[in-house]
Amino acid sequence: MISADRPRLLLHMCCAGCSPHVADLLRQAYTVTGFFYNPNIHPAEEYQLRRKEALDLGQKLGMAVSCGEYDAERWFDLTRGMELEPEGGSRCAVCFRMRLEQAARQACEDGCSFLTTTLTVSPHKNAETINRIGSEAGEKYGVTFLQSNFKKQDGFRKTMELSQAFGLYRQDYCGCLYSRR
């Protein structure tokens, strides 16, 4: 339900498991729409599982969730030559940029004034890098990127608890084939 008195925010969802606490926090001040866009996730069966979980979580929370195109080919093109980069290296920054630029484009198309991502709830992701890239993407598409570090104030623990309470699938790797090693 869209409320006229609350600003609209598009929440890029990296996965359902990282989303319930972040969505709860944001829904206190914004009308939130989820956006699942993650062409980095491989294999395709893993992507389909995470996509279904994100849509199911949206239903459980009463929050609209849309999904972007699964453009794995483009992701592989953008990260070619970075296969051996360590987790958190330059490949991750390229991946964040791809996903956050698409989320910013989607936020603009949907008439959302704000954008943020669940990526910063992970203790394995660098919030400073994500916030910088998100702000650049938002600026490019005329959307304000809400900088955050959702892992703070026990955010990751709360996310884990809510994820368990909702019976959500929790993966053991970020999604890309290279992180799976």
N, C-alpha and C. Protein backbone atom coordinates (compact mmCIF):
# COMPACT_ATOMS: atom_id res chain seq x y z
N MET A 1 0.85 -1.18 0.00
CA MET A 1 0.00 0.00 0.00
C MET A 1 0.89 1.25 0.00
N ILE A 2 0.62 2.16 -0.89
CA ILE A 2 1.40 3.40 -0.98
C ILE A 2 0.71 4.47 -0.16
N SER A 3 1.47 5.06 0.73
CA SER A 3 0.95 6.12 1.59
C SER A 3 1.42 7.47 1.05
N ALA A 4 0.47 8.39 0.90
CA ALA A 4 0.80 9.71 0.35
C ALA A 4 1.72 10.51 1.26
N ASP A 5 1.72 10.20 2.56
CA ASP A 5 2.53 10.99 3.49
C ASP A 5 3.93 10.42 3.72
N ARG A 6 4.25 9.33 3.11
CA ARG A 6 5.58 8.73 3.26
C ARG A 6 6.31 8.74 1.92
N PRO A 7 7.59 9.09 1.94
CA PRO A 7 8.36 9.02 0.70
C PRO A 7 8.51 7.57 0.24
N ARG A 8 8.62 7.39 -1.06
CA ARG A 8 8.76 6.04 -1.63
C ARG A 8 10.24 5.68 -1.75
N LEU A 9 10.56 4.46 -1.35
CA LEU A 9 11.93 3.96 -1.37
C LEU A 9 11.98 2.62 -2.06
N LEU A 10 12.93 2.43 -2.96
CA LEU A 10 13.17 1.14 -3.58
C LEU A 10 14.31 0.47 -2.80
N LEU A 11 14.04 -0.73 -2.31
CA LEU A 11 15.03 -1.50 -1.56
C LEU A 11 15.59 -2.59 -2.44
N HIS A 12 16.85 -2.44 -2.84
CA HIS A 12 17.51 -3.51 -3.57
C HIS A 12 17.73 -4.66 -2.60
N MET A 13 17.20 -5.82 -2.92
CA MET A 13 17.30 -7.01 -2.07
C MET A 13 18.34 -7.96 -2.66
N CYS A 14 19.43 -8.18 -1.92
CA CYS A 14 20.42 -9.13 -2.41
C CYS A 14 19.92 -10.56 -2.25
N CYS A 15 19.08 -10.78 -1.23
CA CYS A 15 18.44 -12.07 -0.99
C CYS A 15 17.36 -11.88 0.06
N ALA A 16 16.49 -12.84 0.19
CA ALA A 16 15.41 -12.75 1.18
C ALA A 16 15.99 -12.79 2.59
N GLY A 17 16.98 -13.63 2.81
CA GLY A 17 17.54 -13.80 4.15
C GLY A 17 18.12 -12.54 4.76
N CYS A 18 18.58 -11.62 3.93
CA CYS A 18 19.15 -10.36 4.42
C CYS A 18 18.13 -9.23 4.49
N SER A 19 16.89 -9.49 4.14
CA SER A 19 15.93 -8.42 3.93
C SER A 19 14.94 -8.10 5.06
N PRO A 20 14.50 -9.05 5.89
CA PRO A 20 13.38 -8.71 6.79
C PRO A 20 13.68 -7.60 7.80
N HIS A 21 14.84 -7.61 8.42
CA HIS A 21 15.17 -6.57 9.40
C HIS A 21 15.30 -5.21 8.71
N VAL A 22 15.96 -5.19 7.57
CA VAL A 22 16.15 -3.94 6.84
C VAL A 22 14.79 -3.39 6.40
N ALA A 23 13.93 -4.25 5.87
CA ALA A 23 12.59 -3.81 5.44
C ALA A 23 11.80 -3.27 6.62
N ASP A 24 11.87 -3.95 7.76
CA ASP A 24 11.15 -3.47 8.96
C ASP A 24 11.62 -2.09 9.37
N LEU A 25 12.93 -1.88 9.39
CA LEU A 25 13.48 -0.57 9.75
C LEU A 25 12.99 0.52 8.81
N LEU A 26 13.09 0.25 7.52
CA LEU A 26 12.77 1.26 6.51
C LEU A 26 11.28 1.57 6.46
N ARG A 27 10.45 0.57 6.71
CA ARG A 27 9.00 0.78 6.63
C ARG A 27 8.48 1.66 7.75
N GLN A 28 9.31 1.99 8.71
CA GLN A 28 8.91 2.93 9.76
C GLN A 28 8.81 4.35 9.20
N ALA A 29 9.56 4.64 8.14
CA ALA A 29 9.59 6.01 7.61
C ALA A 29 9.27 6.12 6.11
N TYR A 30 9.28 4.99 5.40
CA TYR A 30 9.11 5.01 3.95
C TYR A 30 8.06 4.00 3.51
N THR A 31 7.51 4.25 2.33
CA THR A 31 6.74 3.22 1.63
C THR A 31 7.78 2.46 0.81
N VAL A 32 8.00 1.21 1.16
CA VAL A 32 9.11 0.42 0.60
C VAL A 32 8.61 -0.57 -0.44
N THR A 33 9.31 -0.60 -1.56
CA THR A 33 9.12 -1.61 -2.59
C THR A 33 10.43 -2.36 -2.72
N GLY A 34 10.36 -3.69 -2.70
CA GLY A 34 11.56 -4.50 -2.87
C GLY A 34 11.90 -4.66 -4.34
N PHE A 35 13.17 -4.81 -4.62
CA PHE A 35 13.63 -5.03 -5.99
C PHE A 35 14.75 -6.06 -5.95
N PHE A 36 14.48 -7.23 -6.51
CA PHE A 36 15.45 -8.32 -6.56
C PHE A 36 16.12 -8.28 -7.93
N TYR A 37 17.39 -7.88 -7.93
CA TYR A 37 18.16 -7.83 -9.17
C TYR A 37 19.57 -8.31 -8.84
N ASN A 38 19.88 -9.53 -9.26
CA ASN A 38 21.14 -10.15 -8.86
C ASN A 38 21.64 -11.13 -9.92
N PRO A 39 22.08 -10.62 -11.08
CA PRO A 39 22.59 -11.50 -12.13
C PRO A 39 23.92 -12.16 -11.77
N ASN A 40 24.46 -11.81 -10.62
CA ASN A 40 25.70 -12.42 -10.15
C ASN A 40 25.48 -13.82 -9.59
N ILE A 41 24.24 -14.18 -9.30
CA ILE A 41 23.97 -15.45 -8.62
C ILE A 41 24.03 -16.61 -9.61
N HIS A 42 24.83 -17.60 -9.23
CA HIS A 42 25.01 -18.81 -10.05
C HIS A 42 25.11 -20.02 -9.15
N PRO A 43 24.71 -21.17 -9.61
CA PRO A 43 24.11 -21.46 -10.91
C PRO A 43 22.67 -20.93 -11.00
N ALA A 44 22.06 -21.11 -12.16
CA ALA A 44 20.71 -20.58 -12.40
C ALA A 44 19.70 -21.13 -11.40
N GLU A 45 19.87 -22.36 -10.96
CA GLU A 45 18.94 -22.95 -9.97
C GLU A 45 19.02 -22.20 -8.65
N GLU A 46 20.21 -21.78 -8.28
CA GLU A 46 20.39 -21.00 -7.05
C GLU A 46 19.70 -19.64 -7.20
N TYR A 47 19.86 -19.04 -8.38
CA TYR A 47 19.20 -17.76 -8.65
C TYR A 47 17.68 -17.92 -8.51
N GLN A 48 17.12 -18.95 -9.14
CA GLN A 48 15.67 -19.15 -9.09
C GLN A 48 15.18 -19.37 -7.66
N LEU A 49 15.93 -20.10 -6.86
CA LEU A 49 15.57 -20.32 -5.46
C LEU A 49 15.55 -19.00 -4.69
N ARG A 50 16.59 -18.20 -4.86
CA ARG A 50 16.67 -16.91 -4.14
C ARG A 50 15.60 -15.94 -4.63
N ARG A 51 15.32 -15.96 -5.91
CA ARG A 51 14.28 -15.10 -6.48
C ARG A 51 12.92 -15.46 -5.86
N LYS A 52 12.62 -16.76 -5.83
CA LYS A 52 11.35 -17.21 -5.25
C LYS A 52 11.25 -16.82 -3.77
N GLU A 53 12.32 -16.97 -3.03
CA GLU A 53 12.34 -16.59 -1.61
C GLU A 53 12.08 -15.09 -1.44
N ALA A 54 12.65 -14.25 -2.30
CA ALA A 54 12.44 -12.81 -2.21
C ALA A 54 10.98 -12.46 -2.47
N LEU A 55 10.38 -13.09 -3.48
CA LEU A 55 8.97 -12.85 -3.77
C LEU A 55 8.08 -13.35 -2.64
N ASP A 56 8.41 -14.51 -2.10
CA ASP A 56 7.63 -15.06 -0.97
C ASP A 56 7.73 -14.15 0.25
N LEU A 57 8.93 -13.64 0.53
CA LEU A 57 9.10 -12.74 1.67
C LEU A 57 8.26 -11.48 1.48
N GLY A 58 8.25 -10.94 0.28
CA GLY A 58 7.42 -9.78 -0.01
C GLY A 58 5.96 -10.04 0.36
N GLN A 59 5.47 -11.21 0.01
CA GLN A 59 4.08 -11.57 0.35
C GLN A 59 3.90 -11.64 1.86
N LYS A 60 4.84 -12.26 2.55
CA LYS A 60 4.74 -12.39 4.01
C LYS A 60 4.76 -11.03 4.70
N LEU A 61 5.52 -10.09 4.15
CA LEU A 61 5.63 -8.76 4.74
C LEU A 61 4.57 -7.79 4.22
N GLY A 62 3.81 -8.19 3.21
CA GLY A 62 2.85 -7.28 2.60
C GLY A 62 3.55 -6.16 1.86
N MET A 63 4.67 -6.49 1.24
CA MET A 63 5.51 -5.51 0.55
C MET A 63 5.65 -5.93 -0.91
N ALA A 64 5.38 -5.02 -1.81
CA ALA A 64 5.56 -5.33 -3.23
C ALA A 64 7.03 -5.60 -3.52
N VAL A 65 7.29 -6.62 -4.33
CA VAL A 65 8.65 -6.95 -4.75
C VAL A 65 8.62 -7.20 -6.26
N SER A 66 9.50 -6.54 -6.97
CA SER A 66 9.64 -6.80 -8.40
C SER A 66 11.03 -7.39 -8.63
N CYS A 67 11.21 -7.99 -9.81
CA CYS A 67 12.49 -8.62 -10.13
C CYS A 67 13.01 -8.08 -11.45
N GLY A 68 14.29 -7.79 -11.46
CA GLY A 68 14.94 -7.37 -12.70
C GLY A 68 15.32 -8.59 -13.52
N GLU A 69 15.80 -8.33 -14.71
CA GLU A 69 16.20 -9.38 -15.63
C GLU A 69 17.42 -10.15 -15.10
N TYR A 70 17.44 -11.44 -15.32
CA TYR A 70 18.59 -12.25 -14.96
C TYR A 70 19.58 -12.21 -16.11
N ASP A 71 20.43 -11.21 -16.13
CA ASP A 71 21.38 -10.97 -17.21
C ASP A 71 22.77 -11.48 -16.81
N ALA A 72 22.86 -12.78 -16.65
CA ALA A 72 24.12 -13.39 -16.21
C ALA A 72 25.24 -13.15 -17.22
N GLU A 73 24.91 -13.15 -18.50
CA GLU A 73 25.92 -12.94 -19.54
C GLU A 73 26.62 -11.58 -19.35
N ARG A 74 25.83 -10.56 -19.06
CA ARG A 74 26.41 -9.22 -18.83
C ARG A 74 27.30 -9.23 -17.60
N TRP A 75 26.87 -9.91 -16.55
CA TRP A 75 27.68 -9.99 -15.32
C TRP A 75 29.03 -10.64 -15.62
N PHE A 76 29.01 -11.74 -16.36
CA PHE A 76 30.27 -12.41 -16.71
C PHE A 76 31.15 -11.51 -17.58
N ASP A 77 30.54 -10.76 -18.49
CA ASP A 77 31.31 -9.82 -19.32
C ASP A 77 31.99 -8.76 -18.46
N LEU A 78 31.24 -8.19 -17.52
CA LEU A 78 31.78 -7.12 -16.67
C LEU A 78 32.89 -7.61 -15.73
N THR A 79 32.82 -8.86 -15.32
CA THR A 79 33.79 -9.37 -14.34
C THR A 79 34.89 -10.23 -14.99
N ARG A 80 34.89 -10.30 -16.31
CA ARG A 80 35.92 -11.08 -17.01
C ARG A 80 37.31 -10.58 -16.63
N GLY A 81 38.19 -11.52 -16.30
CA GLY A 81 39.55 -11.17 -15.88
C GLY A 81 39.68 -10.98 -14.38
N MET A 82 38.56 -11.01 -13.67
CA MET A 82 38.58 -10.80 -12.21
C MET A 82 38.24 -12.08 -11.44
N GLU A 83 38.30 -13.19 -12.13
CA GLU A 83 37.90 -14.47 -11.54
C GLU A 83 38.69 -14.82 -10.28
N LEU A 84 39.95 -14.42 -10.23
CA LEU A 84 40.81 -14.78 -9.09
C LEU A 84 40.87 -13.71 -8.01
N GLU A 85 40.13 -12.63 -8.21
CA GLU A 85 40.08 -11.57 -7.19
C GLU A 85 39.55 -12.15 -5.88
N PRO A 86 40.08 -11.69 -4.75
CA PRO A 86 39.54 -12.18 -3.47
C PRO A 86 38.16 -11.59 -3.21
N GLU A 87 37.40 -12.26 -2.37
CA GLU A 87 36.10 -11.75 -1.94
C GLU A 87 36.33 -10.36 -1.33
N GLY A 88 35.53 -9.39 -1.75
CA GLY A 88 35.68 -8.03 -1.28
C GLY A 88 36.59 -7.18 -2.15
N GLY A 89 37.14 -7.76 -3.22
CA GLY A 89 38.06 -7.05 -4.09
C GLY A 89 37.34 -6.28 -5.19
N SER A 90 38.07 -6.01 -6.26
CA SER A 90 37.53 -5.16 -7.34
C SER A 90 36.36 -5.81 -8.06
N ARG A 91 36.30 -7.13 -8.12
CA ARG A 91 35.16 -7.81 -8.75
C ARG A 91 33.87 -7.46 -8.02
N CYS A 92 33.94 -7.43 -6.69
CA CYS A 92 32.75 -7.11 -5.89
C CYS A 92 32.27 -5.68 -6.18
N ALA A 93 33.20 -4.75 -6.31
CA ALA A 93 32.82 -3.36 -6.60
C ALA A 93 32.12 -3.27 -7.95
N VAL A 94 32.60 -4.01 -8.94
CA VAL A 94 31.97 -4.03 -10.26
C VAL A 94 30.56 -4.62 -10.14
N CYS A 95 30.44 -5.66 -9.38
CA CYS A 95 29.15 -6.33 -9.17
C CYS A 95 28.17 -5.39 -8.45
N PHE A 96 28.63 -4.72 -7.40
CA PHE A 96 27.77 -3.76 -6.69
C PHE A 96 27.29 -2.68 -7.65
N ARG A 97 28.21 -2.17 -8.46
CA ARG A 97 27.86 -1.09 -9.39
C ARG A 97 26.79 -1.55 -10.38
N MET A 98 26.97 -2.72 -10.94
CA MET A 98 25.99 -3.24 -11.90
C MET A 98 24.60 -3.30 -11.27
N ARG A 99 24.53 -3.86 -10.08
CA ARG A 99 23.23 -4.05 -9.43
C ARG A 99 22.64 -2.74 -8.93
N LEU A 100 23.46 -1.87 -8.37
CA LEU A 100 22.93 -0.62 -7.83
C LEU A 100 22.56 0.37 -8.92
N GLU A 101 23.26 0.35 -10.05
CA GLU A 101 22.85 1.21 -11.16
C GLU A 101 21.50 0.77 -11.71
N GLN A 102 21.30 -0.54 -11.82
CA GLN A 102 20.00 -1.04 -12.30
C GLN A 102 18.91 -0.70 -11.29
N ALA A 103 19.22 -0.83 -10.00
CA ALA A 103 18.23 -0.48 -8.97
C ALA A 103 17.90 1.01 -9.01
N ALA A 104 18.89 1.85 -9.23
CA ALA A 104 18.64 3.30 -9.33
C ALA A 104 17.78 3.61 -10.55
N ARG A 105 18.07 2.96 -11.65
CA ARG A 105 17.26 3.13 -12.87
C ARG A 105 15.81 2.71 -12.59
N GLN A 106 15.64 1.58 -11.89
CA GLN A 106 14.31 1.08 -11.57
C GLN A 106 13.59 2.03 -10.61
N ALA A 107 14.30 2.55 -9.62
CA ALA A 107 13.71 3.50 -8.67
C ALA A 107 13.21 4.73 -9.41
N CYS A 108 13.99 5.22 -10.34
CA CYS A 108 13.60 6.39 -11.14
C CYS A 108 12.35 6.07 -11.95
N GLU A 109 12.33 4.93 -12.63
CA GLU A 109 11.17 4.52 -13.43
C GLU A 109 9.92 4.35 -12.57
N ASP A 110 10.10 3.86 -11.34
CA ASP A 110 8.97 3.61 -10.44
C ASP A 110 8.51 4.85 -9.68
N GLY A 111 9.22 5.97 -9.85
CA GLY A 111 8.85 7.19 -9.16
C GLY A 111 9.24 7.21 -7.69
N CYS A 112 10.23 6.42 -7.33
CA CYS A 112 10.73 6.42 -5.95
C CYS A 112 11.76 7.54 -5.80
N SER A 113 11.70 8.24 -4.69
CA SER A 113 12.65 9.31 -4.42
C SER A 113 13.94 8.79 -3.79
N PHE A 114 13.84 7.60 -3.16
CA PHE A 114 14.97 7.06 -2.40
C PHE A 114 15.26 5.63 -2.82
N LEU A 115 16.50 5.25 -2.57
CA LEU A 115 17.00 3.91 -2.89
C LEU A 115 17.99 3.51 -1.82
N THR A 116 17.99 2.25 -1.46
CA THR A 116 19.05 1.68 -0.63
C THR A 116 19.13 0.19 -0.92
N THR A 117 20.02 -0.51 -0.22
CA THR A 117 20.24 -1.93 -0.47
C THR A 117 20.44 -2.70 0.82
N THR A 118 20.08 -3.96 0.79
CA THR A 118 20.31 -4.85 1.93
C THR A 118 21.77 -5.30 2.00
N LEU A 119 22.56 -5.01 0.98
CA LEU A 119 23.95 -5.48 0.94
C LEU A 119 24.75 -5.12 2.19
N THR A 120 24.45 -3.97 2.80
CA THR A 120 25.28 -3.53 3.93
C THR A 120 24.96 -4.26 5.23
N VAL A 121 23.98 -5.16 5.24
CA VAL A 121 23.69 -5.91 6.46
C VAL A 121 24.71 -7.06 6.64
N SER A 122 25.37 -7.43 5.57
CA SER A 122 26.32 -8.54 5.63
C SER A 122 27.64 -8.12 6.27
N PRO A 123 28.14 -8.93 7.21
CA PRO A 123 29.45 -8.62 7.78
C PRO A 123 30.59 -8.84 6.78
N HIS A 124 30.27 -9.45 5.63
CA HIS A 124 31.28 -9.72 4.60
C HIS A 124 31.35 -8.64 3.54
N LYS A 125 30.49 -7.62 3.64
CA LYS A 125 30.44 -6.57 2.62
C LYS A 125 30.87 -5.24 3.21
N ASN A 126 31.61 -4.47 2.43
CA ASN A 126 32.14 -3.18 2.86
C ASN A 126 31.09 -2.09 2.63
N ALA A 127 30.49 -1.62 3.71
CA ALA A 127 29.42 -0.62 3.62
C ALA A 127 29.92 0.68 2.98
N GLU A 128 31.13 1.08 3.26
CA GLU A 128 31.67 2.32 2.69
C GLU A 128 31.70 2.24 1.16
N THR A 129 32.18 1.13 0.63
CA THR A 129 32.23 0.94 -0.82
C THR A 129 30.82 0.92 -1.41
N ILE A 130 29.93 0.17 -0.78
CA ILE A 130 28.55 0.07 -1.26
C ILE A 130 27.87 1.45 -1.24
N ASN A 131 28.06 2.20 -0.17
CA ASN A 131 27.45 3.52 -0.06
C ASN A 131 27.99 4.50 -1.11
N ARG A 132 29.28 4.43 -1.37
CA ARG A 132 29.88 5.30 -2.41
C ARG A 132 29.29 4.97 -3.77
N ILE A 133 29.27 3.70 -4.11
CA ILE A 133 28.76 3.27 -5.41
C ILE A 133 27.25 3.56 -5.51
N GLY A 134 26.52 3.30 -4.44
CA GLY A 134 25.08 3.58 -4.44
C GLY A 134 24.78 5.05 -4.62
N SER A 135 25.56 5.89 -3.97
CA SER A 135 25.37 7.34 -4.10
C SER A 135 25.65 7.80 -5.53
N GLU A 136 26.70 7.25 -6.15
CA GLU A 136 27.01 7.60 -7.54
C GLU A 136 25.88 7.14 -8.47
N ALA A 137 25.36 5.95 -8.24
CA ALA A 137 24.26 5.42 -9.07
C ALA A 137 23.01 6.28 -8.88
N GLY A 138 22.71 6.63 -7.65
CA GLY A 138 21.55 7.46 -7.37
C GLY A 138 21.66 8.81 -8.06
N GLU A 139 22.83 9.40 -7.97
CA GLU A 139 23.06 10.71 -8.61
C GLU A 139 22.86 10.62 -10.12
N LYS A 140 23.36 9.54 -10.70
CA LYS A 140 23.23 9.33 -12.15
C LYS A 140 21.77 9.28 -12.59
N TYR A 141 20.89 8.72 -11.74
CA TYR A 141 19.48 8.55 -12.11
C TYR A 141 18.53 9.47 -11.36
N GLY A 142 19.07 10.42 -10.61
CA GLY A 142 18.22 11.40 -9.94
C GLY A 142 17.44 10.87 -8.76
N VAL A 143 18.03 9.89 -8.08
CA VAL A 143 17.40 9.27 -6.90
C VAL A 143 18.37 9.42 -5.74
N THR A 144 17.86 9.70 -4.55
CA THR A 144 18.73 9.84 -3.38
C THR A 144 19.03 8.46 -2.81
N PHE A 145 20.31 8.12 -2.75
CA PHE A 145 20.71 6.84 -2.16
C PHE A 145 20.82 7.03 -0.65
N LEU A 146 20.06 6.24 0.08
CA LEU A 146 20.07 6.29 1.53
C LEU A 146 21.26 5.49 2.03
N GLN A 147 22.31 6.20 2.46
CA GLN A 147 23.51 5.51 2.94
C GLN A 147 23.20 4.82 4.26
N SER A 148 23.77 3.64 4.41
CA SER A 148 23.46 2.84 5.59
C SER A 148 24.60 1.89 5.90
N ASN A 149 24.52 1.33 7.08
CA ASN A 149 25.34 0.19 7.46
C ASN A 149 24.44 -0.64 8.36
N PHE A 150 23.57 -1.42 7.73
CA PHE A 150 22.53 -2.14 8.44
C PHE A 150 23.03 -3.22 9.38
N LYS A 151 24.32 -3.56 9.30
CA LYS A 151 24.86 -4.56 10.22
C LYS A 151 25.09 -3.98 11.62
N LYS A 152 25.15 -2.66 11.71
CA LYS A 152 25.37 -2.00 13.01
C LYS A 152 24.16 -2.17 13.92
N GLN A 153 24.36 -1.92 15.19
CA GLN A 153 23.32 -2.03 16.22
C GLN A 153 22.65 -3.41 16.18
N ASP A 154 23.47 -4.43 16.09
CA ASP A 154 23.01 -5.82 16.05
C ASP A 154 22.17 -6.14 14.83
N GLY A 155 22.31 -5.36 13.77
CA GLY A 155 21.50 -5.57 12.57
C GLY A 155 21.66 -6.94 11.96
N PHE A 156 22.89 -7.45 11.91
CA PHE A 156 23.08 -8.77 11.33
C PHE A 156 22.43 -9.84 12.21
N ARG A 157 22.59 -9.73 13.52
CA ARG A 157 21.96 -10.70 14.42
C ARG A 157 20.44 -10.67 14.28
N LYS A 158 19.87 -9.47 14.23
CA LYS A 158 18.41 -9.34 14.07
C LYS A 158 17.96 -9.92 12.74
N THR A 159 18.75 -9.70 11.71
CA THR A 159 18.45 -10.27 10.40
C THR A 159 18.43 -11.79 10.46
N MET A 160 19.42 -12.36 11.12
CA MET A 160 19.50 -13.82 11.25
C MET A 160 18.28 -14.36 12.02
N GLU A 161 17.91 -13.68 13.09
CA GLU A 161 16.76 -14.12 13.89
C GLU A 161 15.47 -14.07 13.08
N LEU A 162 15.25 -12.96 12.38
CA LEU A 162 14.03 -12.83 11.57
C LEU A 162 14.03 -13.82 10.41
N SER A 163 15.18 -14.02 9.83
CA SER A 163 15.31 -14.97 8.74
C SER A 163 14.90 -16.37 9.22
N GLN A 164 15.35 -16.73 10.39
CA GLN A 164 15.00 -18.03 10.97
C GLN A 164 13.51 -18.09 11.30
N ALA A 165 12.98 -17.03 11.89
CA ALA A 165 11.55 -16.98 12.25
C ALA A 165 10.66 -17.13 11.01
N PHE A 166 11.08 -16.54 9.89
CA PHE A 166 10.31 -16.64 8.64
C PHE A 166 10.59 -17.94 7.89
N GLY A 167 11.57 -18.72 8.36
CA GLY A 167 11.93 -19.97 7.69
C GLY A 167 12.57 -19.74 6.34
N LEU A 168 13.36 -18.66 6.24
CA LEU A 168 13.98 -18.30 4.96
C LEU A 168 15.24 -19.12 4.69
N TYR A 169 15.47 -19.38 3.44
CA TYR A 169 16.69 -20.03 2.98
C TYR A 169 17.87 -19.10 3.23
N ARG A 170 18.93 -19.63 3.83
CA ARG A 170 20.17 -18.88 4.07
C ARG A 170 21.28 -19.57 3.30
N GLN A 171 21.80 -18.89 2.30
CA GLN A 171 22.87 -19.44 1.49
C GLN A 171 24.21 -19.30 2.21
N ASP A 172 25.21 -20.06 1.75
CA ASP A 172 26.52 -19.99 2.40
C ASP A 172 27.58 -19.32 1.51
N TYR A 173 27.13 -18.60 0.49
CA TYR A 173 28.04 -17.81 -0.34
C TYR A 173 27.26 -16.66 -0.95
N CYS A 174 27.96 -15.59 -1.35
CA CYS A 174 27.27 -14.38 -1.80
C CYS A 174 26.41 -14.63 -3.02
N GLY A 175 26.85 -15.49 -3.88
CA GLY A 175 26.06 -15.78 -5.07
C GLY A 175 26.88 -16.09 -6.30
N CYS A 176 28.02 -15.42 -6.45
CA CYS A 176 28.79 -15.66 -7.67
C CYS A 176 29.62 -16.93 -7.55
N LEU A 177 29.90 -17.51 -8.72
CA LEU A 177 30.66 -18.76 -8.76
C LEU A 177 32.01 -18.63 -8.08
N TYR A 178 32.61 -17.45 -8.20
CA TYR A 178 33.96 -17.25 -7.66
C TYR A 178 33.95 -17.19 -6.14
N SER A 179 32.89 -16.68 -5.56
CA SER A 179 32.82 -16.62 -4.09
C SER A 179 32.48 -17.98 -3.51
N ARG A 180 31.92 -18.83 -4.34
CA ARG A 180 31.51 -20.16 -3.87
C ARG A 180 32.72 -21.00 -3.50
N ARG A 181 33.89 -20.68 -4.12
CA ARG A 181 35.11 -21.43 -3.81
C ARG A 181 35.38 -21.27 -2.36
